[in-house]
Amino acid sequence: MLTSADARMGPKSKETRAHLISVKPYAWSVGIIWSLVVAGSLLWARYQTRQGTLEVASSQARVAFEKDITYRRWNASHGGVYVPVNEKTAPNPYLQVPERDVTTTSGVALTMMNPAYMTRQVHELAAEAYGIQGHITSLDPIRPANAPDAWETKALEAFRAGVKEVGSVEAMRGESTFRLMRPLMVEESCLKCHAAQGYQVGDIRGGISVSLPMAPYLAVEHSQIRTLLLGHGLLWLCGLAGIWFGTRRLGQYITERGLAEEALYRSEERFRRVVESSPMGIHMYRLELDGRLVFTGANPSADAMLGIDHQGLVGKTIEEAFPALQHTEVAERYREVCGAGAHWQTEQID
């Protein structure tokens, strides 16, 4: 059973409603695609932010490493330096060189501090002041406390395979820590202490690892991520609003166009019925841009009056369809009527 609205709806109206309904799946599809694009952009930005955080931490660790190397070279260039013996700086039992311990003329006891000993104390100060931990280590350490942990052991083995640097984020003492390690190469000044172990200039003596707590860097990263989330969220909402507005406007356009087509369809139907049911013979023409007047059809009354089937004349010019009208006032007046929309009434009796 049809409702009153369905009963009034013709074929064109139903087609219009189908078009209106079909807009929604496209809107959903565009919305899903937009959401995926924004999500992909957010994930990429998040990845880039993470890489930036790691690069900053890595750069800071490299600076610390280069400072350690600079301190060591300065110490080694002087063949070691003498410092007063105290409770924090006792003579190094692992340093076996002549005149390791001396006494000044005033009676102050001094001990030689080699590069490794000095670097170790610098690391202790950095860890206490800045939380940056350094460690001199080797697969063949002279001092047992310099033995590598598991992560450092893998890095030292990688150095033997030609790797120049190892860095990663690891858990140390329950905290996220960025660890970086580079090889420690034997230089000419190093042989004073290590020649007895068989090392030569250019050999890998071991390595220096630097460990930075990630907390300060992660705090900055989280702040950046919050900004990214806010920005992408607003962008996503603006996009959805644009999609909704565009869909709404498209729906209105389709509705208006459908109503216009329906009105035109009804008007054409009414015109067709009037023409077909008219007792008068009616010919229909179309004026082309080049001035040709083309015959488009006739009603049944015209067929009956003239005793011909006008269907075979459709598409021909007025002169081709009706040769008798060539060079007559009728053909020219027809052109004027079709071109200007004027009215002209005449009777033609055959």
C-alpha atoms as a PDB file:
ATOM      1  CA  MET A   1       0.000   0.000   0.000  1.00  0.00           C
ATOM      2  CA  LEU A   2       1.340   3.436  -0.905  1.00  0.00           C
ATOM      3  CA  THR A   3       1.239   6.411   1.442  1.00  0.00           C
ATOM      4  CA  SER A   4      -0.178   9.703   0.237  1.00  0.00           C
ATOM      5  CA  ALA A   5       3.370  11.013  -0.331  1.00  0.00           C
ATOM      6  CA  ASP A   6       4.318   7.908  -2.320  1.00  0.00           C
ATOM      7  CA  ALA A   7       1.166   8.171  -4.345  1.00  0.00           C
ATOM      8  CA  ARG A   8       2.069  11.692  -5.412  1.00  0.00           C
ATOM      9  CA  MET A   9       5.675  10.784  -6.248  1.00  0.00           C
ATOM     10  CA  GLY A  10       6.414  10.008  -9.838  1.00  0.00           C
ATOM     11  CA  PRO A  11       9.390   8.071 -11.243  1.00  0.00           C
ATOM     12  CA  LYS A  12      11.604  11.150 -11.186  1.00  0.00           C
ATOM     13  CA  SER A  13      10.778  11.867  -7.526  1.00  0.00           C
ATOM     14  CA  LYS A  14      11.797   8.357  -6.493  1.00  0.00           C
ATOM     15  CA  GLU A  15      15.033   8.734  -8.443  1.00  0.00           C
ATOM     16  CA  THR A  16      15.695  12.033  -6.637  1.00  0.00           C
ATOM     17  CA  ARG A  17      15.207  10.397  -3.250  1.00  0.00           C
ATOM     18  CA  ALA A  18      17.664   7.640  -4.282  1.00  0.00           C
ATOM     19  CA  HIS A  19      20.240  10.303  -5.109  1.00  0.00           C
ATOM     20  CA  LEU A  20      19.712  11.963  -1.726  1.00  0.00           C
ATOM     21  CA  ILE A  21      20.219   8.676   0.069  1.00  0.00           C
ATOM     22  CA  SER A  22      23.352   7.857  -1.951  1.00  0.00           C
ATOM     23  CA  VAL A  23      25.111  11.025  -0.722  1.00  0.00           C
ATOM     24  CA  LYS A  24      25.442   9.641   2.817  1.00  0.00           C
ATOM     25  CA  PRO A  25      27.766   6.706   1.961  1.00  0.00           C
ATOM     26  CA  TYR A  26      30.060   9.100   0.112  1.00  0.00           C
ATOM     27  CA  ALA A  27      30.078  11.421   3.115  1.00  0.00           C
ATOM     28  CA  TRP A  28      30.948   8.528   5.417  1.00  0.00           C
ATOM     29  CA  SER A  29      33.686   7.387   3.035  1.00  0.00           C
ATOM     30  CA  VAL A  30      35.214  10.860   2.861  1.00  0.00           C
ATOM     31  CA  GLY A  31      35.000  11.166   6.645  1.00  0.00           C
ATOM     32  CA  ILE A  32      36.765   7.834   7.142  1.00  0.00           C
ATOM     33  CA  ILE A  33      39.459   8.713   4.612  1.00  0.00           C
ATOM     34  CA  TRP A  34      39.973  12.092   6.284  1.00  0.00           C
ATOM     35  CA  SER A  35      40.254  10.425   9.689  1.00  0.00           C
ATOM     36  CA  LEU A  36      42.838   7.977   8.347  1.00  0.00           C
ATOM     37  CA  VAL A  37      44.840  10.826   6.799  1.00  0.00           C
ATOM     38  CA  VAL A  38      44.851  12.790  10.059  1.00  0.00           C
ATOM     39  CA  ALA A  39      45.731   9.654  12.056  1.00  0.00           C
ATOM     40  CA  GLY A  40      48.576   8.871   9.660  1.00  0.00           C
ATOM     41  CA  SER A  41      49.865  12.429   9.925  1.00  0.00           C
ATOM     42  CA  LEU A  42      49.718  12.222  13.723  1.00  0.00           C
ATOM     43  CA  LEU A  43      51.589   8.928  13.805  1.00  0.00           C
ATOM     44  CA  TRP A  44      54.272  10.281  11.477  1.00  0.00           C
ATOM     45  CA  ALA A  45      54.611  13.466  13.534  1.00  0.00           C
ATOM     46  CA  ARG A  46      54.807  11.345  16.684  1.00  0.00           C
ATOM     47  CA  TYR A  47      57.554   9.250  15.120  1.00  0.00           C
ATOM     48  CA  GLN A  48      59.458  12.349  14.032  1.00  0.00           C
ATOM     49  CA  THR A  49      59.143  13.813  17.529  1.00  0.00           C
ATOM     50  CA  ARG A  50      60.496  10.628  19.032  1.00  0.00           C
ATOM     51  CA  GLN A  51      63.410  10.607  16.603  1.00  0.00           C
ATOM     52  CA  GLY A  52      64.096  14.224  17.473  1.00  0.00           C
ATOM     53  CA  THR A  53      64.191  13.371  21.166  1.00  0.00           C
ATOM     54  CA  LEU A  54      66.644  10.558  20.559  1.00  0.00           C
ATOM     55  CA  GLU A  55      68.808  12.792  18.382  1.00  0.00           C
ATOM     56  CA  VAL A  56      68.970  15.476  21.088  1.00  0.00           C
ATOM     57  CA  ALA A  57      69.919  12.880  23.713  1.00  0.00           C
ATOM     58  CA  SER A  58      72.447  11.355  21.333  1.00  0.00           C
ATOM     59  CA  SER A  59      74.018  14.746  20.621  1.00  0.00           C
ATOM     60  CA  GLN A  60      74.303  15.463  24.343  1.00  0.00           C
ATOM     61  CA  ALA A  61      75.957  12.090  24.922  1.00  0.00           C
ATOM     62  CA  ARG A  62      78.418  12.716  22.087  1.00  0.00           C
ATOM     63  CA  VAL A  63      79.366  16.069  23.616  1.00  0.00           C
ATOM     64  CA  ALA A  64      80.054  14.343  26.941  1.00  0.00           C
ATOM     65  CA  PHE A  65      82.158  11.709  25.199  1.00  0.00           C
ATOM     66  CA  GLU A  66      84.194  14.302  23.302  1.00  0.00           C
ATOM     67  CA  LYS A  67      84.857  16.190  26.552  1.00  0.00           C
ATOM     68  CA  ASP A  68      86.115  12.985  28.149  1.00  0.00           C
ATOM     69  CA  ILE A  69      88.486  12.417  25.243  1.00  0.00           C
ATOM     70  CA  THR A  70      89.704  16.006  25.443  1.00  0.00           C
ATOM     71  CA  TYR A  71      90.441  15.686  29.202  1.00  0.00           C
ATOM     72  CA  ARG A  72      92.271  12.413  28.626  1.00  0.00           C
ATOM     73  CA  ARG A  73      94.424  13.852  25.861  1.00  0.00           C
ATOM     74  CA  TRP A  74      95.340  16.852  27.978  1.00  0.00           C
ATOM     75  CA  ASN A  75      96.380  14.576  30.854  1.00  0.00           C
ATOM     76  CA  ALA A  76      98.231  12.159  28.584  1.00  0.00           C
ATOM     77  CA  SER A  77     100.057  14.996  26.827  1.00  0.00           C
ATOM     78  CA  HIS A  78     101.649  15.854  30.198  1.00  0.00           C
ATOM     79  CA  GLY A  79     102.473  12.231  30.997  1.00  0.00           C
ATOM     80  CA  GLY A  80      99.979  12.330  33.886  1.00  0.00           C
ATOM     81  CA  VAL A  81      99.527  15.040  36.488  1.00  0.00           C
ATOM     82  CA  TYR A  82     100.328  15.075  40.193  1.00  0.00           C
ATOM     83  CA  VAL A  83      97.608  15.827  42.725  1.00  0.00           C
ATOM     84  CA  PRO A  84      97.621  15.863  46.525  1.00  0.00           C
ATOM     85  CA  VAL A  85      96.787  12.555  48.200  1.00  0.00           C
ATOM     86  CA  ASN A  86      93.587  12.727  50.278  1.00  0.00           C
ATOM     87  CA  GLU A  87      90.676  10.547  51.302  1.00  0.00           C
ATOM     88  CA  LYS A  88      89.081  10.862  47.850  1.00  0.00           C
ATOM     89  CA  THR A  89      92.288  10.532  45.860  1.00  0.00           C
ATOM     90  CA  ALA A  90      94.487   7.662  46.980  1.00  0.00           C
ATOM     91  CA  PRO A  91      97.461   6.402  44.945  1.00  0.00           C
ATOM     92  CA  ASN A  92      96.314   4.290  42.012  1.00  0.00           C
ATOM     93  CA  PRO A  93      97.386   0.693  42.746  1.00  0.00           C
ATOM     94  CA  TYR A  94      96.901  -0.237  39.080  1.00  0.00           C
ATOM     95  CA  LEU A  95      99.341   2.396  37.843  1.00  0.00           C
ATOM     96  CA  GLN A  96     102.823   0.891  37.826  1.00  0.00           C
ATOM     97  CA  VAL A  97     105.180   3.655  36.670  1.00  0.00           C
ATOM     98  CA  PRO A  98     108.313   5.197  38.155  1.00  0.00           C
ATOM     99  CA  GLU A  99     107.765   8.088  40.576  1.00  0.00           C
ATOM    100  CA  ARG A 100     104.049   7.433  40.881  1.00  0.00           C
ATOM    101  CA  ASP A 101     104.153   8.930  44.371  1.00  0.00           C
ATOM    102  CA  VAL A 102     106.321  11.898  45.335  1.00  0.00           C
ATOM    103  CA  THR A 103     106.656  14.364  48.208  1.00  0.00           C
ATOM    104  CA  THR A 104     107.179  18.056  47.760  1.00  0.00           C
ATOM    105  CA  THR A 105     109.971  19.937  49.544  1.00  0.00           C
ATOM    106  CA  SER A 106     107.355  21.183  51.979  1.00  0.00           C
ATOM    107  CA  GLY A 107     106.273  17.632  52.765  1.00  0.00           C
ATOM    108  CA  VAL A 108     103.003  17.424  50.760  1.00  0.00           C
ATOM    109  CA  ALA A 109     102.357  13.908  49.427  1.00  0.00           C
ATOM    110  CA  LEU A 110     101.468  13.819  45.734  1.00  0.00           C
ATOM    111  CA  THR A 111     100.371  10.960  43.522  1.00  0.00           C
ATOM    112  CA  MET A 112     100.296  10.728  39.742  1.00  0.00           C
ATOM    113  CA  MET A 113      96.831  10.767  38.234  1.00  0.00           C
ATOM    114  CA  ASN A 114      96.760   9.088  34.839  1.00  0.00           C
ATOM    115  CA  PRO A 115      94.033   9.808  32.203  1.00  0.00           C
ATOM    116  CA  ALA A 116      91.814   6.886  33.261  1.00  0.00           C
ATOM    117  CA  TYR A 117      91.924   7.869  36.939  1.00  0.00           C
ATOM    118  CA  MET A 118      91.154  11.493  36.124  1.00  0.00           C
ATOM    119  CA  THR A 119      88.294  10.546  33.772  1.00  0.00           C
ATOM    120  CA  ARG A 120      86.768   8.313  36.424  1.00  0.00           C
ATOM    121  CA  GLN A 121      86.691  11.185  38.936  1.00  0.00           C
ATOM    122  CA  VAL A 122      85.218  13.532  36.318  1.00  0.00           C
ATOM    123  CA  HIS A 123      82.489  10.958  35.674  1.00  0.00           C
ATOM    124  CA  GLU A 124      81.703  10.813  39.384  1.00  0.00           C
ATOM    125  CA  LEU A 125      81.336  14.601  39.527  1.00  0.00           C
ATOM    126  CA  ALA A 126      79.106  14.652  36.414  1.00  0.00           C
ATOM    127  CA  ALA A 127      76.877  11.899  37.803  1.00  0.00           C
ATOM    128  CA  GLU A 128      76.470  13.762  41.091  1.00  0.00           C
ATOM    129  CA  ALA A 129      75.829  17.176  39.508  1.00  0.00           C
ATOM    130  CA  TYR A 130      73.957  16.361  36.292  1.00  0.00           C
ATOM    131  CA  GLY A 131      72.963  12.702  36.439  1.00  0.00           C
ATOM    132  CA  ILE A 132      75.215  11.953  33.461  1.00  0.00           C
ATOM    133  CA  GLN A 133      77.066   8.715  34.077  1.00  0.00           C
ATOM    134  CA  GLY A 134      80.260   7.778  32.283  1.00  0.00           C
ATOM    135  CA  HIS A 135      82.193   4.539  32.409  1.00  0.00           C
ATOM    136  CA  ILE A 136      85.582   3.576  31.023  1.00  0.00           C
ATOM    137  CA  THR A 137      85.519  -0.098  30.211  1.00  0.00           C
ATOM    138  CA  SER A 138      87.286  -2.801  28.261  1.00  0.00           C
ATOM    139  CA  LEU A 139      87.016  -6.484  27.492  1.00  0.00           C
ATOM    140  CA  ASP A 140      90.479  -6.741  29.108  1.00  0.00           C
ATOM    141  CA  PRO A 141      90.329  -4.286  32.030  1.00  0.00           C
ATOM    142  CA  ILE A 142      93.253  -3.666  34.370  1.00  0.00           C
ATOM    143  CA  ARG A 143      90.938  -2.502  37.128  1.00  0.00           C
ATOM    144  CA  PRO A 144      88.134  -5.006  37.914  1.00  0.00           C
ATOM    145  CA  ALA A 145      85.618  -2.216  38.485  1.00  0.00           C
ATOM    146  CA  ASN A 146      86.081  -1.228  34.844  1.00  0.00           C
ATOM    147  CA  ALA A 147      84.624  -4.526  33.630  1.00  0.00           C
ATOM    148  CA  PRO A 148      81.729  -4.003  31.137  1.00  0.00           C
ATOM    149  CA  ASP A 149      78.119  -4.844  31.817  1.00  0.00           C
ATOM    150  CA  ALA A 150      76.068  -6.888  29.332  1.00  0.00           C
ATOM    151  CA  TRP A 151      75.143  -3.906  27.155  1.00  0.00           C
ATOM    152  CA  GLU A 152      78.719  -2.601  27.104  1.00  0.00           C
ATOM    153  CA  THR A 153      80.058  -6.058  26.267  1.00  0.00           C
ATOM    154  CA  LYS A 154      77.879  -6.216  23.139  1.00  0.00           C
ATOM    155  CA  ALA A 155      79.021  -2.716  22.162  1.00  0.00           C
ATOM    156  CA  LEU A 156      82.716  -3.609  22.596  1.00  0.00           C
ATOM    157  CA  GLU A 157      82.240  -6.715  20.476  1.00  0.00           C
ATOM    158  CA  ALA A 158      80.540  -4.583  17.839  1.00  0.00           C
ATOM    159  CA  PHE A 159      83.553  -2.247  17.809  1.00  0.00           C
ATOM    160  CA  ARG A 160      85.773  -5.183  16.935  1.00  0.00           C
ATOM    161  CA  ALA A 161      83.479  -5.813  13.947  1.00  0.00           C
ATOM    162  CA  GLY A 162      83.999  -2.247  12.723  1.00  0.00           C
ATOM    163  CA  VAL A 163      81.028  -0.436  14.308  1.00  0.00           C
ATOM    164  CA  LYS A 164      81.936   3.142  15.263  1.00  0.00           C
ATOM    165  CA  GLU A 165      79.111   3.936  17.664  1.00  0.00           C
ATOM    166  CA  VAL A 166      76.368   2.155  19.591  1.00  0.00           C
ATOM    167  CA  GLY A 167      73.385   3.943  21.098  1.00  0.00           C
ATOM    168  CA  SER A 168      69.958   2.920  22.407  1.00  0.00           C
ATOM    169  CA  VAL A 169      67.398   3.569  25.105  1.00  0.00           C
ATOM    170  CA  GLU A 170      67.746   1.085  27.960  1.00  0.00           C
ATOM    171  CA  ALA A 171      66.360   0.605  31.443  1.00  0.00           C
ATOM    172  CA  MET A 172      68.937   1.365  34.135  1.00  0.00           C
ATOM    173  CA  ARG A 173      68.027   1.235  37.795  1.00  0.00           C
ATOM    174  CA  GLY A 174      64.365   1.277  36.857  1.00  0.00           C
ATOM    175  CA  GLU A 175      64.647   4.443  34.736  1.00  0.00           C
ATOM    176  CA  SER A 176      64.603   5.014  31.005  1.00  0.00           C
ATOM    177  CA  THR A 177      68.173   5.893  30.032  1.00  0.00           C
ATOM    178  CA  PHE A 178      69.860   6.750  26.767  1.00  0.00           C
ATOM    179  CA  ARG A 179      73.173   4.925  26.475  1.00  0.00           C
ATOM    180  CA  LEU A 180      75.874   5.748  23.975  1.00  0.00           C
ATOM    181  CA  MET A 181      79.290   4.166  23.591  1.00  0.00           C
ATOM    182  CA  ARG A 182      82.237   4.818  21.322  1.00  0.00           C
ATOM    183  CA  PRO A 183      85.552   2.998  21.065  1.00  0.00           C
ATOM    184  CA  LEU A 184      88.625   4.278  22.900  1.00  0.00           C
ATOM    185  CA  MET A 185      91.562   4.150  20.521  1.00  0.00           C
ATOM    186  CA  VAL A 186      95.180   3.708  21.623  1.00  0.00           C
ATOM    187  CA  GLU A 187      97.282   6.824  20.984  1.00  0.00           C
ATOM    188  CA  GLU A 188     101.030   7.336  21.379  1.00  0.00           C
ATOM    189  CA  SER A 189     100.580   8.906  24.805  1.00  0.00           C
ATOM    190  CA  CYS A 190      98.608   5.852  26.010  1.00  0.00           C
ATOM    191  CA  LEU A 191     101.584   3.503  25.636  1.00  0.00           C
ATOM    192  CA  LYS A 192     103.232   4.835  28.806  1.00  0.00           C
ATOM    193  CA  CYS A 193     100.686   2.853  30.831  1.00  0.00           C
ATOM    194  CA  HIS A 194      99.474   0.211  28.383  1.00  0.00           C
ATOM    195  CA  ALA A 195     102.501  -0.801  26.322  1.00  0.00           C
ATOM    196  CA  ALA A 196     103.118  -3.718  28.674  1.00  0.00           C
ATOM    197  CA  GLN A 197      99.716  -5.177  27.655  1.00  0.00           C
ATOM    198  CA  GLY A 198     100.861  -5.427  24.036  1.00  0.00           C
ATOM    199  CA  TYR A 199      98.750  -2.575  22.617  1.00  0.00           C
ATOM    200  CA  GLN A 200      99.877  -0.560  19.627  1.00  0.00           C
ATOM    201  CA  VAL A 201      98.817   2.823  18.311  1.00  0.00           C
ATOM    202  CA  GLY A 202      95.450   2.524  16.551  1.00  0.00           C
ATOM    203  CA  ASP A 203      94.253  -0.502  18.520  1.00  0.00           C
ATOM    204  CA  ILE A 204      90.900  -0.456  20.312  1.00  0.00           C
ATOM    205  CA  ARG A 205      91.758  -0.222  23.997  1.00  0.00           C
ATOM    206  CA  GLY A 206      88.141  -0.357  25.097  1.00  0.00           C
ATOM    207  CA  GLY A 207      85.390   2.223  25.149  1.00  0.00           C
ATOM    208  CA  ILE A 208      83.701   5.006  27.067  1.00  0.00           C
ATOM    209  CA  SER A 209      79.983   4.692  27.673  1.00  0.00           C
ATOM    210  CA  VAL A 210      77.792   7.673  28.512  1.00  0.00           C
ATOM    211  CA  SER A 211      74.357   7.242  30.126  1.00  0.00           C
ATOM    212  CA  LEU A 212      71.795  10.065  30.200  1.00  0.00           C
ATOM    213  CA  PRO A 213      68.471   9.906  32.081  1.00  0.00           C
ATOM    214  CA  MET A 214      65.662  10.292  29.547  1.00  0.00           C
ATOM    215  CA  ALA A 215      63.239  11.974  31.973  1.00  0.00           C
ATOM    216  CA  PRO A 216      64.047  15.603  30.974  1.00  0.00           C
ATOM    217  CA  TYR A 217      63.930  14.762  27.277  1.00  0.00           C
ATOM    218  CA  LEU A 218      60.718  12.773  27.619  1.00  0.00           C
ATOM    219  CA  ALA A 219      59.083  15.672  29.470  1.00  0.00           C
ATOM    220  CA  VAL A 220      59.750  17.917  26.460  1.00  0.00           C
ATOM    221  CA  GLU A 221      58.608  15.171  24.093  1.00  0.00           C
ATOM    222  CA  HIS A 222      55.330  14.673  25.954  1.00  0.00           C
ATOM    223  CA  SER A 223      54.665  18.406  25.812  1.00  0.00           C
ATOM    224  CA  GLN A 224      55.234  18.360  22.057  1.00  0.00           C
ATOM    225  CA  ILE A 225      52.975  15.340  21.670  1.00  0.00           C
ATOM    226  CA  ARG A 226      50.190  17.091  23.561  1.00  0.00           C
ATOM    227  CA  THR A 227      50.529  20.002  21.174  1.00  0.00           C
ATOM    228  CA  LEU A 228      50.423  17.605  18.223  1.00  0.00           C
ATOM    229  CA  LEU A 229      47.309  15.910  19.591  1.00  0.00           C
ATOM    230  CA  LEU A 230      45.580  19.246  20.093  1.00  0.00           C
ATOM    231  CA  GLY A 231      46.545  20.526  16.650  1.00  0.00           C
ATOM    232  CA  HIS A 232      45.571  17.326  14.830  1.00  0.00           C
ATOM    233  CA  GLY A 233      42.368  17.087  16.848  1.00  0.00           C
ATOM    234  CA  LEU A 234      41.325  20.585  15.809  1.00  0.00           C
ATOM    235  CA  LEU A 235      42.345  19.860  12.225  1.00  0.00           C
ATOM    236  CA  TRP A 236      40.294  16.642  12.258  1.00  0.00           C
ATOM    237  CA  LEU A 237      37.222  18.417  13.655  1.00  0.00           C
ATOM    238  CA  CYS A 238      37.529  21.253  11.143  1.00  0.00           C
ATOM    239  CA  GLY A 239      37.787  18.698   8.353  1.00  0.00           C
ATOM    240  CA  LEU A 240      34.715  16.821   9.565  1.00  0.00           C
ATOM    241  CA  ALA A 241      32.834  20.118   9.842  1.00  0.00           C
ATOM    242  CA  GLY A 242      33.829  20.928   6.263  1.00  0.00           C
ATOM    243  CA  ILE A 243      32.728  17.482   5.089  1.00  0.00           C
ATOM    244  CA  TRP A 244      29.396  17.860   6.908  1.00  0.00           C
ATOM    245  CA  PHE A 245      28.836  21.340   5.475  1.00  0.00           C
ATOM    246  CA  GLY A 246      29.835  20.212   1.988  1.00  0.00           C
ATOM    247  CA  THR A 247      27.555  17.170   2.204  1.00  0.00           C
ATOM    248  CA  ARG A 248      24.710  19.337   3.420  1.00  0.00           C
ATOM    249  CA  ARG A 249      25.179  21.770   0.565  1.00  0.00           C
ATOM    250  CA  LEU A 250      25.469  18.918  -1.930  1.00  0.00           C
ATOM    251  CA  GLY A 251      22.282  17.386  -0.549  1.00  0.00           C
ATOM    252  CA  GLN A 252      20.483  20.719  -0.897  1.00  0.00           C
ATOM    253  CA  TYR A 253      21.770  21.077  -4.444  1.00  0.00           C
ATOM    254  CA  ILE A 254      20.619  17.586  -5.371  1.00  0.00           C
ATOM    255  CA  THR A 255      17.256  18.206  -3.754  1.00  0.00           C
ATOM    256  CA  GLU A 256      16.757  21.493  -5.585  1.00  0.00           C
ATOM    257  CA  ARG A 257      17.933  19.977  -8.843  1.00  0.00           C
ATOM    258  CA  GLY A 258      15.684  16.979  -8.333  1.00  0.00           C
ATOM    259  CA  LEU A 259      12.696  19.210  -7.647  1.00  0.00           C
ATOM    260  CA  ALA A 260      13.501  21.263 -10.742  1.00  0.00           C
ATOM    261  CA  GLU A 261      13.816  18.107 -12.842  1.00  0.00           C
ATOM    262  CA  GLU A 262      10.558  16.826 -11.401  1.00  0.00           C
ATOM    263  CA  ALA A 263       8.817  20.095 -12.218  1.00  0.00           C
ATOM    264  CA  LEU A 264      10.257  20.040 -15.732  1.00  0.00           C
ATOM    265  CA  TYR A 265       9.268  16.411 -16.136  1.00  0.00           C
ATOM    266  CA  ARG A 266       5.695  17.152 -15.031  1.00  0.00           C
ATOM    267  CA  SER A 267       5.563  20.177 -17.320  1.00  0.00           C
ATOM    268  CA  GLU A 268       6.802  18.135 -20.251  1.00  0.00           C
ATOM    269  CA  GLU A 269       4.297  15.411 -19.459  1.00  0.00           C
ATOM    270  CA  ARG A 270       1.462  17.905 -19.368  1.00  0.00           C
ATOM    271  CA  PHE A 271       2.657  19.460 -22.630  1.00  0.00           C
ATOM    272  CA  ARG A 272       2.983  16.033 -24.231  1.00  0.00           C
ATOM    273  CA  ARG A 273      -0.544  15.056 -23.191  1.00  0.00           C
ATOM    274  CA  VAL A 274      -1.971  18.373 -24.445  1.00  0.00           C
ATOM    275  CA  VAL A 275      -0.191  18.032 -27.770  1.00  0.00           C
ATOM    276  CA  GLU A 276      -1.157  14.389 -28.282  1.00  0.00           C
ATOM    277  CA  SER A 277      -4.780  14.947 -27.341  1.00  0.00           C
ATOM    278  CA  SER A 278      -5.188  18.189 -29.294  1.00  0.00           C
ATOM    279  CA  PRO A 279      -7.613  17.978 -32.247  1.00  0.00           C
ATOM    280  CA  MET A 280      -5.419  20.443 -34.109  1.00  0.00           C
ATOM    281  CA  GLY A 281      -2.466  19.304 -36.123  1.00  0.00           C
ATOM    282  CA  ILE A 282       0.729  20.395 -34.403  1.00  0.00           C
ATOM    283  CA  HIS A 283       4.257  20.355 -35.803  1.00  0.00           C
ATOM    284  CA  MET A 284       7.263  20.882 -33.550  1.00  0.00           C
ATOM    285  CA  TYR A 285      10.611  22.324 -34.595  1.00  0.00           C
ATOM    286  CA  ARG A 286      14.007  23.183 -33.098  1.00  0.00           C
ATOM    287  CA  LEU A 287      16.054  26.151 -34.279  1.00  0.00           C
ATOM    288  CA  GLU A 288      19.757  25.283 -34.516  1.00  0.00           C
ATOM    289  CA  LEU A 289      22.582  27.780 -33.966  1.00  0.00           C
ATOM    290  CA  ASP A 290      23.364  27.771 -37.687  1.00  0.00           C
ATOM    291  CA  GLY A 291      19.792  28.914 -38.522  1.00  0.00           C
ATOM    292  CA  ARG A 292      18.484  25.549 -39.649  1.00  0.00           C
ATOM    293  CA  LEU A 293      14.943  24.752 -38.530  1.00  0.00           C
ATOM    294  CA  VAL A 294      14.836  21.035 -37.685  1.00  0.00           C
ATOM    295  CA  PHE A 295      11.600  19.059 -37.512  1.00  0.00           C
ATOM    296  CA  THR A 296      11.265  17.225 -34.154  1.00  0.00           C
ATOM    297  CA  GLY A 297       7.784  15.687 -34.359  1.00  0.00           C
ATOM    298  CA  ALA A 298       4.066  16.011 -34.840  1.00  0.00           C
ATOM    299  CA  ASN A 299       0.958  14.930 -32.960  1.00  0.00           C
ATOM    300  CA  PRO A 300      -1.481  12.238 -34.103  1.00  0.00           C
ATOM    301  CA  SER A 301      -3.931  14.859 -35.381  1.00  0.00           C
ATOM    302  CA  ALA A 302      -1.282  16.160 -37.786  1.00  0.00           C
ATOM    303  CA  ASP A 303      -0.684  12.623 -39.033  1.00  0.00           C
ATOM    304  CA  ALA A 304      -4.426  12.131 -39.590  1.00  0.00           C
ATOM    305  CA  MET A 305      -4.945  15.496 -41.309  1.00  0.00           C
ATOM    306  CA  LEU A 306      -2.071  15.079 -43.743  1.00  0.00           C
ATOM    307  CA  GLY A 307      -2.378  11.311 -44.050  1.00  0.00           C
ATOM    308  CA  ILE A 308       1.324  10.691 -43.454  1.00  0.00           C
ATOM    309  CA  ASP A 309       3.453   9.326 -40.683  1.00  0.00           C
ATOM    310  CA  HIS A 310       5.681  12.211 -39.584  1.00  0.00           C
ATOM    311  CA  GLN A 311       8.014   9.916 -37.640  1.00  0.00           C
ATOM    312  CA  GLY A 312      10.239   9.421 -40.662  1.00  0.00           C
ATOM    313  CA  LEU A 313      10.721  13.189 -40.995  1.00  0.00           C
ATOM    314  CA  VAL A 314      12.206  13.737 -37.514  1.00  0.00           C
ATOM    315  CA  GLY A 315      15.681  15.266 -37.723  1.00  0.00           C
ATOM    316  CA  LYS A 316      15.246  16.812 -41.143  1.00  0.00           C
ATOM    317  CA  THR A 317      15.153  20.527 -41.836  1.00  0.00           C
ATOM    318  CA  ILE A 318      11.831  22.132 -42.606  1.00  0.00           C
ATOM    319  CA  GLU A 319      12.802  22.427 -46.258  1.00  0.00           C
ATOM    320  CA  GLU A 320      13.794  18.735 -46.404  1.00  0.00           C
ATOM    321  CA  ALA A 321      10.671  17.563 -44.585  1.00  0.00           C
ATOM    322  CA  PHE A 322       8.308  19.838 -46.515  1.00  0.00           C
ATOM    323  CA  PRO A 323       9.827  20.862 -49.864  1.00  0.00           C
ATOM    324  CA  ALA A 324       6.739  22.919 -50.698  1.00  0.00           C
ATOM    325  CA  LEU A 325       7.633  25.409 -47.942  1.00  0.00           C
ATOM    326  CA  GLN A 326      10.988  26.336 -49.482  1.00  0.00           C
ATOM    327  CA  HIS A 327      11.372  30.051 -50.119  1.00  0.00           C
ATOM    328  CA  THR A 328       7.979  30.781 -48.594  1.00  0.00           C
ATOM    329  CA  GLU A 329       6.918  33.190 -45.869  1.00  0.00           C
ATOM    330  CA  VAL A 330       5.854  30.259 -43.688  1.00  0.00           C
ATOM    331  CA  ALA A 331       9.392  28.841 -43.290  1.00  0.00           C
ATOM    332  CA  GLU A 332      10.835  32.263 -42.489  1.00  0.00           C
ATOM    333  CA  ARG A 333       8.087  33.084 -39.996  1.00  0.00           C
ATOM    334  CA  TYR A 334       8.647  29.726 -38.326  1.00  0.00           C
ATOM    335  CA  ARG A 335      12.291  30.688 -37.846  1.00  0.00           C
ATOM    336  CA  GLU A 336      11.323  34.016 -36.317  1.00  0.00           C
ATOM    337  CA  VAL A 337       8.891  32.383 -33.925  1.00  0.00           C
ATOM    338  CA  CYS A 338      11.421  29.750 -32.785  1.00  0.00           C
ATOM    339  CA  GLY A 339      14.253  32.263 -32.489  1.00  0.00           C
ATOM    340  CA  ALA A 340      12.469  35.120 -30.712  1.00  0.00           C
ATOM    341  CA  GLY A 341       9.705  33.244 -28.947  1.00  0.00           C
ATOM    342  CA  ALA A 342       7.116  35.355 -30.733  1.00  0.00           C
ATOM    343  CA  HIS A 343       3.604  34.222 -31.543  1.00  0.00           C
ATOM    344  CA  TRP A 344       2.195  33.781 -35.001  1.00  0.00           C
ATOM    345  CA  GLN A 345      -1.046  32.208 -35.992  1.00  0.00           C
ATOM    346  CA  THR A 346      -2.026  31.210 -39.515  1.00  0.00           C
ATOM    347  CA  GLU A 347      -4.094  28.651 -41.247  1.00  0.00           C
ATOM    348  CA  GLN A 348      -2.903  26.572 -44.116  1.00  0.00           C
ATOM    349  CA  ILE A 349      -5.424  24.801 -46.267  1.00  0.00           C
ATOM    350  CA  ASP A 350      -4.098  22.102 -48.564  1.00  0.00           C
END
